C-alpha atoms as a PDB file:
ATOM      1  CA  MET A   1       0.000   0.000   0.000  1.00  0.00           C
ATOM      2  CA  GLY A   2       2.879   2.333   0.788  1.00  0.00           C
ATOM      3  CA  LEU A   3       4.394   1.746  -2.640  1.00  0.00           C
ATOM      4  CA  ILE A   4       1.176   2.835  -4.339  1.00  0.00           C
ATOM      5  CA  LEU A   5       0.873   5.950  -2.175  1.00  0.00           C
ATOM      6  CA  LEU A   6       4.495   6.873  -2.806  1.00  0.00           C
ATOM      7  CA  SER A   7       4.111   6.426  -6.543  1.00  0.00           C
ATOM      8  CA  VAL A   8       0.907   8.514  -6.578  1.00  0.00           C
ATOM      9  CA  MET A   9       2.592  11.343  -4.674  1.00  0.00           C
ATOM     10  CA  VAL A  10       5.711  11.268  -6.866  1.00  0.00           C
ATOM     11  CA  SER A  11       3.613  11.199 -10.040  1.00  0.00           C
ATOM     12  CA  MET A  12       1.652  14.230  -8.815  1.00  0.00           C
ATOM     13  CA  VAL A  13       4.886  16.164  -8.277  1.00  0.00           C
ATOM     14  CA  LEU A  14       6.274  15.055 -11.637  1.00  0.00           C
ATOM     15  CA  GLY A  15       2.936  15.874 -13.284  1.00  0.00           C
ATOM     16  CA  ALA A  16       3.197  19.424 -11.985  1.00  0.00           C
ATOM     17  CA  CYS A  17       6.784  19.629 -13.258  1.00  0.00           C
ATOM     18  CA  ALA A  18       5.698  18.270 -16.647  1.00  0.00           C
ATOM     19  CA  TRP A  19       2.961  20.903 -16.768  1.00  0.00           C
ATOM     20  CA  LEU A  20       5.549  23.605 -16.094  1.00  0.00           C
ATOM     21  CA  VAL A  21       7.683  22.341 -18.985  1.00  0.00           C
ATOM     22  CA  LEU A  22       5.004  21.361 -21.516  1.00  0.00           C
ATOM     23  CA  GLY A  23       2.177  23.718 -20.574  1.00  0.00           C
ATOM     24  CA  ASP A  24      -1.513  23.351 -21.324  1.00  0.00           C
ATOM     25  CA  GLN A  25      -1.727  20.667 -24.011  1.00  0.00           C
ATOM     26  CA  PHE A  26      -5.032  18.914 -23.277  1.00  0.00           C
ATOM     27  CA  PRO A  27      -7.338  18.368 -25.113  1.00  0.00           C
ATOM     28  CA  VAL A  28      -5.067  17.901 -28.083  1.00  0.00           C
ATOM     29  CA  LYS A  29      -6.041  19.599 -31.363  1.00  0.00           C
ATOM     30  CA  ASP A  30      -8.600  21.870 -29.706  1.00  0.00           C
ATOM     31  CA  GLU A  31      -8.331  25.624 -29.353  1.00  0.00           C
ATOM     32  CA  LEU A  32     -10.140  25.731 -26.019  1.00  0.00           C
ATOM     33  CA  LYS A  33      -7.792  24.155 -23.469  1.00  0.00           C
ATOM     34  CA  TRP A  34      -8.680  22.767 -20.043  1.00  0.00           C
ATOM     35  CA  PRO A  35      -7.713  24.597 -16.840  1.00  0.00           C
ATOM     36  CA  ALA A  36      -4.279  24.027 -15.340  1.00  0.00           C
ATOM     37  CA  THR A  37      -5.545  21.643 -12.653  1.00  0.00           C
ATOM     38  CA  ASN A  38      -7.037  19.305 -15.247  1.00  0.00           C
ATOM     39  CA  ASN A  39      -3.819  19.355 -17.266  1.00  0.00           C
ATOM     40  CA  ILE A  40      -1.757  18.560 -14.159  1.00  0.00           C
ATOM     41  CA  ALA A  41      -4.127  15.691 -13.359  1.00  0.00           C
ATOM     42  CA  CYS A  42      -3.744  14.300 -16.898  1.00  0.00           C
ATOM     43  CA  TYR A  43       0.042  14.488 -16.714  1.00  0.00           C
ATOM     44  CA  SER A  44      -0.033  12.789 -13.299  1.00  0.00           C
ATOM     45  CA  VAL A  45      -2.223   9.948 -14.543  1.00  0.00           C
ATOM     46  CA  ILE A  46       0.010   9.455 -17.579  1.00  0.00           C
ATOM     47  CA  LEU A  47       3.094   9.284 -15.334  1.00  0.00           C
ATOM     48  CA  LEU A  48       1.544   7.047 -12.671  1.00  0.00           C
ATOM     49  CA  VAL A  49       2.372   3.649 -14.211  1.00  0.00           C
ATOM     50  CA  PRO A  50       5.968   4.489 -15.238  1.00  0.00           C
ATOM     51  CA  VAL A  51       6.686   5.947 -11.785  1.00  0.00           C
ATOM     52  CA  TYR A  52       5.183   2.891 -10.080  1.00  0.00           C
ATOM     53  CA  LEU A  53       7.241   0.526 -12.222  1.00  0.00           C
ATOM     54  CA  VAL A  54      10.477   2.453 -11.581  1.00  0.00           C
ATOM     55  CA  ILE A  55       9.900   2.473  -7.825  1.00  0.00           C
ATOM     56  CA  PHE A  56       8.864  -1.201  -7.858  1.00  0.00           C
ATOM     57  CA  PHE A  57      11.965  -2.370  -9.716  1.00  0.00           C
ATOM     58  CA  LEU A  58      14.342  -0.192  -7.686  1.00  0.00           C
ATOM     59  CA  ASN A  59      13.190  -1.700  -4.375  1.00  0.00           C
END
């Protein structure tokens, strides 16, 4: 359970960092973009599985 919580927290931080670098990209190919919180949530969800796998294999 701790591994999942750690990976969720790390992916949230990395999602915010990805948003700072990439900016508002979602939804793709649409002029009207979502608010920043929705974009950060999308980046966090995208990064959740890779972060979990990295933490899992490093332990």
